[in-house]
Each structure stands twice: as C-alpha cells, then as structure tokens.
Amino acid sequence: MIAGNIPGKTQTIPTAIYVAVDSGNTTMAWAWTGAIIALSFILLFTVRRSS
C-alpha cells in the first residue's frame, strides 16, 4: 500500500492510525479505528436499505 502523508492536508484515516500507533497515542488510534468501523456499518446499512 502506498499513501502520502502531509499532516493536516493529505492524511488518510489508515495513515492517521499508523501515525498514532507509531507515536504511542493508542487512544487516538482506537478512536480512528472505531470511527472507520462505525462509518463502514452506517454506509452498509444505508446502501442495503436503499436497494
């Protein structure tokens, strides 16, 4: 996987999780992980409901 990371400009969620874990901020990494899981379920529910 290739991803660019300019903090505050082009950071993606997976890169934010990696940077948080790398810097020792596991609380932020888990927050991002929970957010991406919640967003995934919301999108799946919305798509499933509309079809």
C-alpha atoms as a PDB file:
ATOM      1  CA  MET A   1       0.000   0.000   0.000  1.00  0.00           C
ATOM      2  CA  ILE A   2       1.264   3.445  -0.882  1.00  0.00           C
ATOM      3  CA  ALA A   3      -0.069   6.530   0.851  1.00  0.00           C
ATOM      4  CA  GLY A   4       1.116  10.076   1.111  1.00  0.00           C
ATOM      5  CA  ASN A   5       1.001  11.916   4.396  1.00  0.00           C
ATOM      6  CA  ILE A   6       1.225  15.645   4.785  1.00  0.00           C
ATOM      7  CA  PRO A   7      -0.179  16.152   8.305  1.00  0.00           C
ATOM      8  CA  GLY A   8      -3.239  18.372   8.243  1.00  0.00           C
ATOM      9  CA  LYS A   9      -3.519  18.252   4.445  1.00  0.00           C
ATOM     10  CA  THR A  10      -3.485  14.787   2.836  1.00  0.00           C
ATOM     11  CA  GLN A  11      -3.656  12.413   5.766  1.00  0.00           C
ATOM     12  CA  THR A  12      -5.955   9.425   5.276  1.00  0.00           C
ATOM     13  CA  ILE A  13      -7.559   7.525   8.157  1.00  0.00           C
ATOM     14  CA  PRO A  14      -5.299   4.456   7.783  1.00  0.00           C
ATOM     15  CA  THR A  15      -2.265   6.733   7.800  1.00  0.00           C
ATOM     16  CA  ALA A  16      -3.612   8.594  10.832  1.00  0.00           C
ATOM     17  CA  ILE A  17      -3.995   5.268  12.656  1.00  0.00           C
ATOM     18  CA  TYR A  18      -0.424   4.290  11.751  1.00  0.00           C
ATOM     19  CA  VAL A  19       0.990   7.649  12.866  1.00  0.00           C
ATOM     20  CA  ALA A  20      -0.967   7.499  16.137  1.00  0.00           C
ATOM     21  CA  VAL A  21       0.308   3.992  16.920  1.00  0.00           C
ATOM     22  CA  ASP A  22       3.854   4.922  15.891  1.00  0.00           C
ATOM     23  CA  SER A  23       3.826   7.947  18.214  1.00  0.00           C
ATOM     24  CA  GLY A  24       2.433   5.906  21.104  1.00  0.00           C
ATOM     25  CA  ASN A  25      -1.021   7.506  21.073  1.00  0.00           C
ATOM     26  CA  THR A  26      -3.072   4.303  21.164  1.00  0.00           C
ATOM     27  CA  THR A  27      -6.178   6.112  22.428  1.00  0.00           C
ATOM     28  CA  MET A  28      -6.315   8.184  19.240  1.00  0.00           C
ATOM     29  CA  ALA A  29      -5.584   5.118  17.115  1.00  0.00           C
ATOM     30  CA  TRP A  30      -8.535   3.273  18.696  1.00  0.00           C
ATOM     31  CA  ALA A  31     -10.752   6.341  18.225  1.00  0.00           C
ATOM     32  CA  TRP A  32      -9.922   6.427  14.497  1.00  0.00           C
ATOM     33  CA  THR A  33     -10.443   2.671  14.258  1.00  0.00           C
ATOM     34  CA  GLY A  34     -13.862   2.940  15.911  1.00  0.00           C
ATOM     35  CA  ALA A  35     -14.806   5.827  13.645  1.00  0.00           C
ATOM     36  CA  ILE A  36     -13.921   3.960  10.454  1.00  0.00           C
ATOM     37  CA  ILE A  37     -15.799   0.840  11.629  1.00  0.00           C
ATOM     38  CA  ALA A  38     -18.874   2.897  12.539  1.00  0.00           C
ATOM     39  CA  LEU A  39     -18.769   4.719   9.202  1.00  0.00           C
ATOM     40  CA  SER A  40     -18.493   1.404   7.359  1.00  0.00           C
ATOM     41  CA  PHE A  41     -21.546  -0.034   9.110  1.00  0.00           C
ATOM     42  CA  ILE A  42     -23.558   3.153   8.504  1.00  0.00           C
ATOM     43  CA  LEU A  43     -22.701   3.085   4.791  1.00  0.00           C
ATOM     44  CA  LEU A  44     -23.501  -0.631   4.514  1.00  0.00           C
ATOM     45  CA  PHE A  45     -26.835  -0.107   6.265  1.00  0.00           C
ATOM     46  CA  THR A  46     -27.682   2.860   4.011  1.00  0.00           C
ATOM     47  CA  VAL A  47     -26.819   1.005   0.797  1.00  0.00           C
ATOM     48  CA  ARG A  48     -28.665  -2.125   1.900  1.00  0.00           C
ATOM     49  CA  ARG A  49     -31.751  -0.114   2.836  1.00  0.00           C
ATOM     50  CA  SER A  50     -31.869   1.824  -0.446  1.00  0.00           C
ATOM     51  CA  SER A  51     -31.734  -1.293  -2.654  1.00  0.00           C
END
